Amino acid sequence: MVTDFANQVDQYIGKLHPPPLEPSGKLLRVVGMTVEVSGIAAPVGAKCHISNASPSGFIEAEVVGFNDDVLFLMPYGSIEGVSPGASVTVVSRFPMVNVSRDMLGRVVNAQGEPIDGLGQIKASEACGLFGFPINPMERGPVEHALDTGIKAINCCLTLGQGQRIGLVAGSGVGKSVLLAMLARNTAADVVVIGLVGERGREVQEFVSTTLGEAGLRKSIVVASPTYDPPVARLKAAHLAHVISEYFRDRGKRVLLLFDSLTRVAHAQREIGLAVGEPPTAKGYPPSVFALLPSLIERAGVGARGHGSITAIYTLLAEGDDRADPIVDIARASLDGQVMLSRDLADAAHYPSIDLNGSISRIMDNLVDKEQVNLANRLRRYWSLYRQNLDLIQVGAYEAGTNPELDEAIELIGNISDFLRQESEDNFSFEDCWKGLRSCIGGAAR
């Protein structure tokens, strides 16, 4: 009896303190950004050091796959200075990151290290990079409207605290400016901004100019520019979610602005193809279509309504193709989408939100019936006018043919004025609904 109990204790201690890994392995070869290593055992996601000729004496890398006893690693930086037979050491079995309240107002890289020149950040807690899933039966409901300060969103696409929504846009249609407006105006305790795969110039410009000092004060920016290796870009995506979960679990209302989910898919595609995954739609391997829903599900209302993460993910519609596979898979997992139009941007209509194709699937649960009817009436006018725009412009439409279209033509000037907004403006819910009533002539029909 005593022996059985002792064995159980030994097994339990063994789970808490697993046997040590082999101290080091040997680099076999480098193929592109993939490093093949033998003589060492480590799980996928483990962090390793590869010895090289740099001043630090090593480069950091992550295990991304294996084949028999050969590990596939990808470095977080340049692999220059690595030589055949270099020593490889496992330094961490599980991917962990340090998170702290002191991150507020700071800009960090994929490792959580500050890159803003303001000194080190005091770490208070180590968290698992991939978080912990919440039982769906324990999640709180999305029941409180979120004031974004943007008229087109507040009235026509009302968001809730804990909602996940996509911002679908091509390049050069005002996406970054809209994100900055959301960061400055949205009623949230903490704003986490993930800039993954952006050009280095755009990161600095977004932080210093577009976001500004006022927006940065309550924000944490996680930046992994396009020149970072794919494993670093992917880690930055997980880090932005870990930071959001850290504050959500402390009862905070968190706004996660993530730019962009498409660049994360590109990073995972690079990794997947490098380790031998078969390509599928547009060259994306199956792991991409498993990764995106798992990331999105990390946002939302916390367990038993304790804190929330309202997540806005940008999706780059390549060639303005709204049927892009990444847009399509993300749209199936999100609670709605905001479509940005190049035609509206070309006409200097900002924010260039096109109500055709844009939807908030939770709006009906957040506002009263009169407000829903008002919003639907405006959307009908907008949609009717846009659908018949060619006929109207060439004079082929005869007044009186469609009474509702006649109303749309009469009101389109007011509607366009209402939906446009300067980037510095901030409108409360009350002002938005008052402006909508005035715009389309009183009560909903």
Protein backbone atom coordinates (compact mmCIF):
# COMPACT_ATOMS: atom_id res chain seq x y z
CA MET A 1 0.00 0.00 0.00
CA VAL A 2 2.79 2.40 0.96
CA THR A 3 4.73 1.39 -2.17
CA ASP A 4 1.71 2.15 -4.43
CA PHE A 5 1.32 5.56 -2.82
CA ALA A 6 5.03 6.30 -3.29
CA ASN A 7 4.80 5.33 -6.95
CA GLN A 8 1.85 7.67 -7.44
CA VAL A 9 3.81 10.51 -5.82
CA ASP A 10 6.79 9.80 -8.06
CA GLN A 11 4.55 9.84 -11.16
CA TYR A 12 2.98 13.13 -10.07
CA ILE A 13 6.36 14.74 -9.44
CA GLY A 14 7.52 13.43 -12.80
CA LYS A 15 4.66 15.27 -14.51
CA LEU A 16 5.58 18.50 -12.72
CA HIS A 17 9.30 18.07 -13.42
CA PRO A 18 9.70 16.14 -16.69
CA PRO A 19 13.08 14.59 -17.43
CA PRO A 20 15.61 17.10 -18.74
CA LEU A 21 16.06 17.48 -22.46
CA GLU A 22 19.31 16.61 -24.21
CA PRO A 23 21.66 19.55 -23.55
CA SER A 24 22.56 20.23 -27.18
CA GLY A 25 22.28 19.05 -30.75
CA LYS A 26 24.08 19.70 -34.02
CA LEU A 27 23.05 21.79 -37.00
CA LEU A 28 22.77 19.61 -40.11
CA ARG A 29 21.83 22.08 -42.84
CA VAL A 30 20.05 25.36 -43.63
CA VAL A 31 17.42 25.46 -46.39
CA GLY A 32 16.07 28.95 -46.90
CA MET A 33 14.89 30.04 -43.44
CA THR A 34 14.58 26.45 -42.15
CA VAL A 35 17.32 25.03 -39.94
CA GLU A 36 17.58 21.24 -39.59
CA VAL A 37 19.02 19.89 -36.33
CA SER A 38 19.80 16.37 -35.07
CA GLY A 39 20.84 14.90 -31.74
CA ILE A 40 18.30 16.78 -29.66
CA ALA A 41 14.65 16.27 -28.62
CA ALA A 42 12.20 19.14 -28.19
CA PRO A 43 8.45 19.70 -28.72
CA VAL A 44 7.00 21.99 -31.39
CA GLY A 45 7.05 25.54 -30.07
CA ALA A 46 10.20 25.10 -27.96
CA LYS A 47 12.77 27.90 -28.04
CA CYS A 48 16.37 27.08 -28.95
CA HIS A 49 19.70 28.90 -29.20
CA ILE A 50 21.88 28.29 -32.25
CA SER A 51 25.52 29.22 -31.75
CA ASN A 52 26.95 31.64 -34.32
CA ALA A 53 29.61 34.29 -34.80
CA SER A 54 27.48 37.24 -33.64
CA PRO A 55 28.42 39.35 -30.57
CA SER A 56 25.79 37.56 -28.48
CA GLY A 57 27.13 34.18 -29.57
CA PHE A 58 23.74 32.75 -30.57
CA ILE A 59 20.49 33.37 -32.43
CA GLU A 60 17.06 32.43 -31.13
CA ALA A 61 14.94 29.96 -33.05
CA GLU A 62 11.71 28.04 -32.58
CA VAL A 63 10.88 24.41 -33.32
CA VAL A 64 8.24 24.38 -36.07
CA GLY A 65 8.26 20.69 -37.00
CA PHE A 66 10.23 17.44 -37.11
CA ASN A 67 10.83 14.37 -39.22
CA ASP A 68 11.93 11.29 -37.27
CA ASP A 69 14.85 12.52 -35.17
CA VAL A 70 15.48 15.70 -37.19
CA LEU A 71 14.02 18.95 -35.85
CA PHE A 72 13.00 21.85 -38.10
CA LEU A 73 13.72 25.25 -36.59
CA MET A 74 13.03 28.79 -37.78
CA PRO A 75 15.07 31.71 -36.40
CA TYR A 76 13.66 34.97 -35.00
CA GLY A 77 16.37 36.93 -36.78
CA SER A 78 19.05 36.70 -39.44
CA ILE A 79 20.93 33.39 -39.76
CA GLU A 80 24.16 35.04 -40.85
CA GLY A 81 27.22 33.67 -39.05
CA VAL A 82 25.78 30.16 -38.62
CA SER A 83 28.17 27.40 -39.67
CA PRO A 84 27.82 23.62 -40.28
CA GLY A 85 27.81 21.57 -37.10
CA ALA A 86 26.89 24.57 -34.91
CA SER A 87 25.67 23.72 -31.42
CA VAL A 88 21.92 23.96 -30.76
CA THR A 89 20.58 24.19 -27.20
CA VAL A 90 16.99 24.03 -25.96
CA VAL A 91 16.34 26.89 -23.54
CA SER A 92 12.56 26.66 -23.11
CA ARG A 93 10.22 23.73 -23.62
CA PHE A 94 7.00 25.78 -23.67
CA PRO A 95 6.55 29.21 -25.32
CA MET A 96 6.07 31.81 -22.55
CA VAL A 97 5.94 35.61 -22.57
CA ASN A 98 6.17 38.23 -19.83
CA VAL A 99 3.18 40.54 -19.47
CA SER A 100 2.84 43.60 -17.24
CA ARG A 101 0.61 46.61 -16.61
CA ASP A 102 3.74 48.67 -17.27
CA MET A 103 3.32 47.86 -20.96
CA LEU A 104 0.67 50.59 -21.25
CA GLY A 105 1.90 53.39 -23.48
CA ARG A 106 4.76 51.28 -24.85
CA VAL A 107 5.74 49.73 -28.18
CA VAL A 108 7.18 46.18 -28.07
CA ASN A 109 8.42 43.63 -30.58
CA ALA A 110 7.40 40.00 -31.05
CA GLN A 111 9.46 38.99 -27.99
CA GLY A 112 7.71 41.54 -25.78
CA GLU A 113 10.87 43.67 -25.64
CA PRO A 114 10.50 47.48 -25.86
CA ILE A 115 11.57 49.11 -29.12
CA ASP A 116 10.50 52.69 -28.30
CA GLY A 117 13.71 53.69 -26.54
CA LEU A 118 11.97 54.35 -23.22
CA GLY A 119 13.82 51.75 -21.15
CA GLN A 120 13.00 48.25 -19.99
CA ILE A 121 9.53 47.10 -18.96
CA LYS A 122 9.21 45.51 -15.54
CA ALA A 123 7.69 42.06 -16.06
CA SER A 124 5.08 40.99 -13.53
CA GLU A 125 3.73 37.69 -14.86
CA ALA A 126 4.75 34.94 -17.27
CA CYS A 127 1.89 33.72 -19.46
CA GLY A 128 1.61 30.87 -21.95
CA LEU A 129 1.81 32.22 -25.48
CA PHE A 130 -1.24 30.30 -26.70
CA GLY A 131 -3.52 31.13 -23.74
CA PHE A 132 -6.24 28.88 -22.37
CA PRO A 133 -9.56 28.25 -24.15
CA ILE A 134 -12.72 29.34 -22.36
CA ASN A 135 -15.58 26.86 -22.06
CA PRO A 136 -18.23 28.28 -24.45
CA MET A 137 -20.92 27.61 -21.83
CA GLU A 138 -19.07 29.89 -19.38
CA ARG A 139 -18.64 32.85 -21.72
CA GLY A 140 -20.70 35.92 -20.91
CA PRO A 141 -23.10 37.32 -23.55
CA VAL A 142 -22.44 40.36 -25.74
CA GLU A 143 -25.08 42.71 -24.36
CA HIS A 144 -23.54 46.19 -24.00
CA ALA A 145 -23.12 48.53 -26.99
CA LEU A 146 -19.64 49.91 -27.60
CA ASP A 147 -19.31 53.61 -28.43
CA THR A 148 -16.69 53.97 -31.20
CA GLY A 149 -17.21 57.69 -31.82
CA ILE A 150 -17.75 56.96 -35.56
CA LYS A 151 -21.21 57.77 -36.91
CA ALA A 152 -21.34 55.11 -39.64
CA ILE A 153 -20.43 52.36 -37.15
CA ASN A 154 -22.41 53.58 -34.13
CA CYS A 155 -25.67 53.89 -36.09
CA CYS A 156 -25.51 51.36 -38.92
CA LEU A 157 -23.09 48.73 -37.58
CA THR A 158 -23.43 49.01 -33.82
CA LEU A 159 -20.73 46.99 -32.07
CA GLY A 160 -20.95 45.30 -28.67
CA GLN A 161 -18.33 44.85 -25.97
CA GLY A 162 -16.75 41.47 -26.73
CA GLN A 163 -17.71 41.36 -30.41
CA ARG A 164 -15.23 40.17 -33.08
CA ILE A 165 -15.48 41.98 -36.41
CA GLY A 166 -13.46 42.16 -39.61
CA LEU A 167 -12.33 45.34 -41.38
CA VAL A 168 -12.09 44.26 -45.02
CA ALA A 169 -10.08 46.61 -47.20
CA GLY A 170 -7.73 46.87 -50.14
CA SER A 171 -4.61 48.97 -49.97
CA GLY A 172 -4.83 52.76 -49.74
CA VAL A 173 -8.49 53.13 -48.74
CA GLY A 174 -8.02 54.70 -45.28
CA LYS A 175 -7.71 51.57 -43.16
CA SER A 176 -4.94 52.88 -40.90
CA VAL A 177 -6.72 56.18 -40.28
CA LEU A 178 -9.91 54.34 -39.33
CA LEU A 179 -7.97 52.13 -36.92
CA ALA A 180 -6.44 55.22 -35.30
CA MET A 181 -9.92 56.78 -34.94
CA LEU A 182 -11.12 53.62 -33.21
CA ALA A 183 -8.08 53.61 -30.90
CA ARG A 184 -8.62 57.24 -29.85
CA ASN A 185 -12.42 57.35 -29.67
CA THR A 186 -13.59 53.93 -28.47
CA ALA A 187 -14.72 53.69 -24.85
CA ALA A 188 -12.25 51.01 -23.66
CA ASP A 189 -9.99 50.66 -20.61
CA VAL A 190 -7.06 49.27 -22.61
CA VAL A 191 -6.30 49.27 -26.34
CA VAL A 192 -3.95 46.59 -27.72
CA ILE A 193 -2.72 47.24 -31.26
CA GLY A 194 -1.07 44.46 -33.24
CA LEU A 195 0.87 45.65 -36.30
CA VAL A 196 2.00 42.47 -38.03
CA GLY A 197 3.60 42.47 -41.46
CA GLU A 198 3.52 46.25 -41.91
CA ARG A 199 6.37 48.22 -43.45
CA GLY A 200 8.81 49.58 -40.86
CA ARG A 201 8.05 53.16 -41.91
CA GLU A 202 4.33 52.60 -41.39
CA VAL A 203 4.86 51.32 -37.84
CA GLN A 204 6.67 54.50 -36.79
CA GLU A 205 4.20 56.70 -38.67
CA PHE A 206 1.17 54.97 -37.14
CA VAL A 207 2.49 55.28 -33.59
CA SER A 208 3.81 58.84 -33.72
CA THR A 209 1.45 60.53 -36.18
CA THR A 210 -1.73 58.55 -36.79
CA LEU A 211 -2.20 57.26 -33.23
CA GLY A 212 -0.60 60.22 -31.48
CA GLU A 213 0.30 60.79 -27.85
CA ALA A 214 -3.31 60.75 -26.62
CA GLY A 215 -4.06 57.44 -28.35
CA LEU A 216 -0.82 55.82 -27.20
CA ARG A 217 -1.40 56.69 -23.54
CA LYS A 218 -3.94 53.88 -23.01
CA SER A 219 -2.51 51.59 -25.69
CA ILE A 220 0.04 48.81 -26.07
CA VAL A 221 1.52 48.39 -29.55
CA VAL A 222 2.97 45.04 -30.65
CA ALA A 223 4.96 45.55 -33.84
CA SER A 224 6.50 42.92 -36.10
CA PRO A 225 7.35 44.55 -39.46
CA THR A 226 7.35 42.77 -42.77
CA TYR A 227 11.13 42.17 -42.67
CA ASP A 228 10.80 40.01 -39.53
CA PRO A 229 11.01 36.24 -40.15
CA PRO A 230 7.60 34.50 -40.36
CA VAL A 231 7.97 32.81 -36.96
CA ALA A 232 8.44 36.25 -35.33
CA ARG A 233 5.39 37.68 -37.09
CA LEU A 234 3.33 34.72 -35.93
CA LYS A 235 4.59 35.11 -32.37
CA ALA A 236 3.62 38.81 -32.43
CA ALA A 237 0.06 37.79 -33.31
CA HIS A 238 -0.12 35.47 -30.31
CA LEU A 239 1.53 38.08 -28.06
CA ALA A 240 -1.12 40.69 -28.91
CA HIS A 241 -3.80 38.18 -27.88
CA VAL A 242 -1.97 37.17 -24.68
CA ILE A 243 -1.73 40.82 -23.59
CA SER A 244 -5.44 41.30 -24.34
CA GLU A 245 -6.32 38.19 -22.32
CA TYR A 246 -4.15 39.39 -19.42
CA PHE A 247 -6.14 42.60 -19.05
CA ARG A 248 -9.50 40.97 -19.82
CA ASP A 249 -8.99 38.44 -17.03
CA ARG A 250 -8.56 41.40 -14.66
CA GLY A 251 -12.00 42.72 -15.55
CA LYS A 252 -10.90 45.32 -18.11
CA ARG A 253 -12.75 46.29 -21.28
CA VAL A 254 -10.09 45.64 -23.92
CA LEU A 255 -10.14 46.81 -27.53
CA LEU A 256 -7.87 44.71 -29.77
CA LEU A 257 -7.04 46.34 -33.11
CA PHE A 258 -5.16 43.81 -35.21
CA ASP A 259 -3.57 44.73 -38.54
CA SER A 260 -3.60 42.39 -40.27
CA LEU A 261 -4.97 38.88 -40.12
CA THR A 262 -3.97 38.37 -43.75
CA ARG A 263 -0.29 38.95 -42.93
CA VAL A 264 -0.55 36.31 -40.19
CA ALA A 265 -1.91 33.89 -42.79
CA HIS A 266 1.06 34.75 -45.03
CA ALA A 267 3.50 34.02 -42.16
CA GLN A 268 1.86 30.67 -41.42
CA ARG A 269 1.91 29.85 -45.14
CA GLU A 270 5.68 30.45 -45.24
CA ILE A 271 6.19 28.20 -42.23
CA GLY A 272 3.82 25.48 -43.43
CA LEU A 273 5.31 25.24 -46.91
CA ALA A 274 8.86 25.24 -45.48
CA VAL A 275 8.14 22.15 -43.36
CA GLY A 276 6.40 20.28 -46.17
CA GLU A 277 2.66 21.03 -45.85
CA PRO A 278 0.74 20.66 -49.12
CA PRO A 279 -0.59 23.91 -50.62
CA THR A 280 -4.35 24.29 -51.13
CA ALA A 281 -6.39 27.40 -52.05
CA LYS A 282 -4.05 30.15 -53.37
CA GLY A 283 -1.08 28.24 -51.99
CA TYR A 284 -2.27 28.33 -48.36
CA PRO A 285 -1.60 25.07 -46.44
CA PRO A 286 -4.31 23.55 -44.18
CA SER A 287 -2.66 24.91 -41.01
CA VAL A 288 -3.63 28.46 -42.05
CA PHE A 289 -7.33 27.60 -42.01
CA ALA A 290 -6.95 26.06 -38.54
CA LEU A 291 -4.93 28.98 -37.16
CA LEU A 292 -7.25 31.89 -38.01
CA PRO A 293 -10.41 30.62 -36.22
CA SER A 294 -8.33 29.68 -33.16
CA LEU A 295 -6.91 33.22 -32.96
CA ILE A 296 -10.32 34.82 -33.38
CA GLU A 297 -11.85 32.63 -30.67
CA ARG A 298 -9.37 33.99 -28.12
CA ALA A 299 -11.22 37.32 -28.21
CA GLY A 300 -14.73 37.89 -26.85
CA VAL A 301 -16.39 38.19 -23.47
CA GLY A 302 -14.52 36.52 -20.62
CA ALA A 303 -15.71 33.64 -18.44
CA ARG A 304 -18.96 34.52 -16.62
CA GLY A 305 -18.88 37.99 -18.18
CA HIS A 306 -15.64 38.92 -16.43
CA GLY A 307 -13.96 41.47 -18.73
CA SER A 308 -14.12 41.51 -22.53
CA ILE A 309 -11.96 41.72 -25.65
CA THR A 310 -13.61 43.57 -28.53
CA ALA A 311 -11.50 42.60 -31.53
CA ILE A 312 -11.30 44.36 -34.88
CA TYR A 313 -9.20 42.43 -37.41
CA THR A 314 -8.17 43.95 -40.70
CA LEU A 315 -8.31 41.69 -43.74
CA LEU A 316 -6.55 42.66 -46.97
CA ALA A 317 -8.77 41.85 -49.93
CA GLU A 318 -6.05 41.19 -52.51
CA GLY A 319 -7.00 42.91 -55.76
CA ASP A 320 -10.16 44.11 -53.95
CA ASP A 321 -11.44 40.53 -54.18
CA ARG A 322 -14.05 40.05 -51.46
CA ALA A 323 -14.06 36.30 -52.16
CA ASP A 324 -10.39 35.95 -51.15
CA PRO A 325 -10.01 32.66 -49.19
CA ILE A 326 -8.58 34.39 -46.11
CA VAL A 327 -11.42 36.93 -46.09
CA ASP A 328 -13.90 34.09 -46.54
CA ILE A 329 -12.59 31.88 -43.70
CA ALA A 330 -12.31 34.83 -41.32
CA ARG A 331 -15.79 36.12 -42.17
CA ALA A 332 -17.24 32.72 -41.21
CA SER A 333 -15.67 33.01 -37.73
CA LEU A 334 -16.39 36.70 -37.04
CA ASP A 335 -19.49 38.47 -35.74
CA GLY A 336 -19.69 40.78 -38.74
CA GLN A 337 -17.57 42.82 -41.10
CA VAL A 338 -17.00 46.43 -42.16
CA MET A 339 -16.26 46.76 -45.88
CA LEU A 340 -14.13 49.66 -47.10
CA SER A 341 -14.68 50.77 -50.68
CA ARG A 342 -12.03 52.02 -53.11
CA ASP A 343 -14.69 53.93 -55.07
CA LEU A 344 -15.67 55.87 -51.94
CA ALA A 345 -12.02 56.52 -51.06
CA ASP A 346 -11.39 57.79 -54.60
CA ALA A 347 -14.33 60.16 -54.13
CA ALA A 348 -12.77 61.45 -50.85
CA HIS A 349 -15.62 59.91 -48.83
CA TYR A 350 -13.96 59.07 -45.49
CA PRO A 351 -14.25 56.82 -43.64
CA SER A 352 -14.83 54.86 -46.84
CA ILE A 353 -17.31 52.43 -45.22
CA ASP A 354 -19.58 50.79 -47.78
CA LEU A 355 -22.84 49.71 -46.16
CA ASN A 356 -23.31 47.18 -48.97
CA GLY A 357 -21.74 44.02 -47.58
CA SER A 358 -21.11 45.48 -44.11
CA ILE A 359 -23.01 43.97 -41.20
CA SER A 360 -22.96 43.67 -37.43
CA ARG A 361 -24.64 40.38 -36.56
CA ILE A 362 -25.23 41.42 -32.95
CA MET A 363 -26.66 44.90 -33.57
CA ASP A 364 -30.31 43.85 -33.10
CA ASN A 365 -29.50 42.72 -29.55
CA LEU A 366 -27.83 46.03 -28.61
CA VAL A 367 -30.25 48.78 -29.72
CA ASP A 368 -34.01 49.23 -29.56
CA LYS A 369 -36.48 48.54 -32.37
CA GLU A 370 -36.82 52.16 -33.47
CA GLN A 371 -33.05 52.51 -33.89
CA VAL A 372 -32.88 49.25 -35.87
CA ASN A 373 -35.62 50.52 -38.20
CA LEU A 374 -33.86 53.86 -38.66
CA ALA A 375 -30.59 52.14 -39.52
CA ASN A 376 -32.30 49.72 -41.92
CA ARG A 377 -34.07 52.57 -43.67
CA LEU A 378 -30.78 54.41 -44.24
CA ARG A 379 -29.16 51.20 -45.49
CA ARG A 380 -32.02 50.65 -47.98
CA TYR A 381 -31.65 54.17 -49.36
CA TRP A 382 -27.88 53.76 -49.64
CA SER A 383 -28.15 50.36 -51.31
CA LEU A 384 -30.87 51.43 -53.77
CA TYR A 385 -28.92 54.48 -54.85
CA ARG A 386 -25.64 52.58 -55.29
CA GLN A 387 -27.36 49.80 -57.28
CA ASN A 388 -28.92 52.30 -59.69
CA LEU A 389 -26.04 54.77 -59.80
CA ASP A 390 -25.15 54.11 -63.45
CA LEU A 391 -28.74 54.66 -64.59
CA ILE A 392 -29.03 57.85 -62.56
CA GLN A 393 -25.75 59.31 -63.82
CA VAL A 394 -26.57 58.79 -67.53
CA GLY A 395 -30.13 60.11 -67.04
CA ALA A 396 -31.80 56.81 -67.92
CA TYR A 397 -33.87 56.68 -64.73
CA GLU A 398 -37.28 58.37 -64.87
CA ALA A 399 -38.56 59.94 -61.67
CA GLY A 400 -41.69 58.24 -60.34
CA THR A 401 -40.73 54.76 -61.53
CA ASN A 402 -39.70 53.70 -58.02
CA PRO A 403 -40.97 55.92 -55.15
CA GLU A 404 -38.42 54.56 -52.68
CA LEU A 405 -35.57 55.20 -55.14
CA ASP A 406 -36.93 58.73 -55.60
CA GLU A 407 -36.61 59.24 -51.84
CA ALA A 408 -33.09 57.79 -51.92
CA ILE A 409 -32.06 60.22 -54.69
CA GLU A 410 -33.54 63.12 -52.73
CA LEU A 411 -31.79 62.14 -49.47
CA ILE A 412 -28.45 60.81 -50.76
CA GLY A 413 -26.72 64.14 -50.22
CA ASN A 414 -27.79 64.21 -46.57
CA ILE A 415 -26.88 60.54 -46.14
CA SER A 416 -23.38 61.03 -47.60
CA ASP A 417 -22.80 64.07 -45.39
CA PHE A 418 -23.93 62.08 -42.35
CA LEU A 419 -21.67 59.09 -43.10
CA ARG A 420 -18.58 61.25 -43.73
CA GLN A 421 -16.45 62.23 -40.76
CA GLU A 422 -13.12 63.97 -40.18
CA SER A 423 -10.48 61.83 -38.48
CA GLU A 424 -10.34 64.19 -35.46
CA ASP A 425 -14.11 64.11 -34.84
CA ASN A 426 -15.72 62.02 -32.11
CA PHE A 427 -19.52 61.59 -31.95
CA SER A 428 -21.38 60.09 -28.98
CA PHE A 429 -24.23 57.62 -29.41
CA GLU A 430 -26.76 60.35 -28.61
CA ASP A 431 -25.33 62.70 -31.25
CA CYS A 432 -25.18 59.88 -33.81
CA TRP A 433 -28.81 58.85 -33.44
CA LYS A 434 -29.95 62.49 -33.38
CA GLY A 435 -28.04 63.10 -36.62
CA LEU A 436 -29.51 59.98 -38.24
CA ARG A 437 -33.09 61.05 -37.43
CA SER A 438 -32.40 64.48 -38.87
CA CYS A 439 -30.69 63.00 -41.93
CA ILE A 440 -33.56 60.80 -43.16
CA GLY A 441 -36.47 62.89 -41.90
CA GLY A 442 -37.70 61.73 -38.54
CA ALA A 443 -39.12 58.41 -37.38
CA ALA A 444 -38.49 55.14 -39.15
CA ARG A 445 -41.12 53.81 -41.52
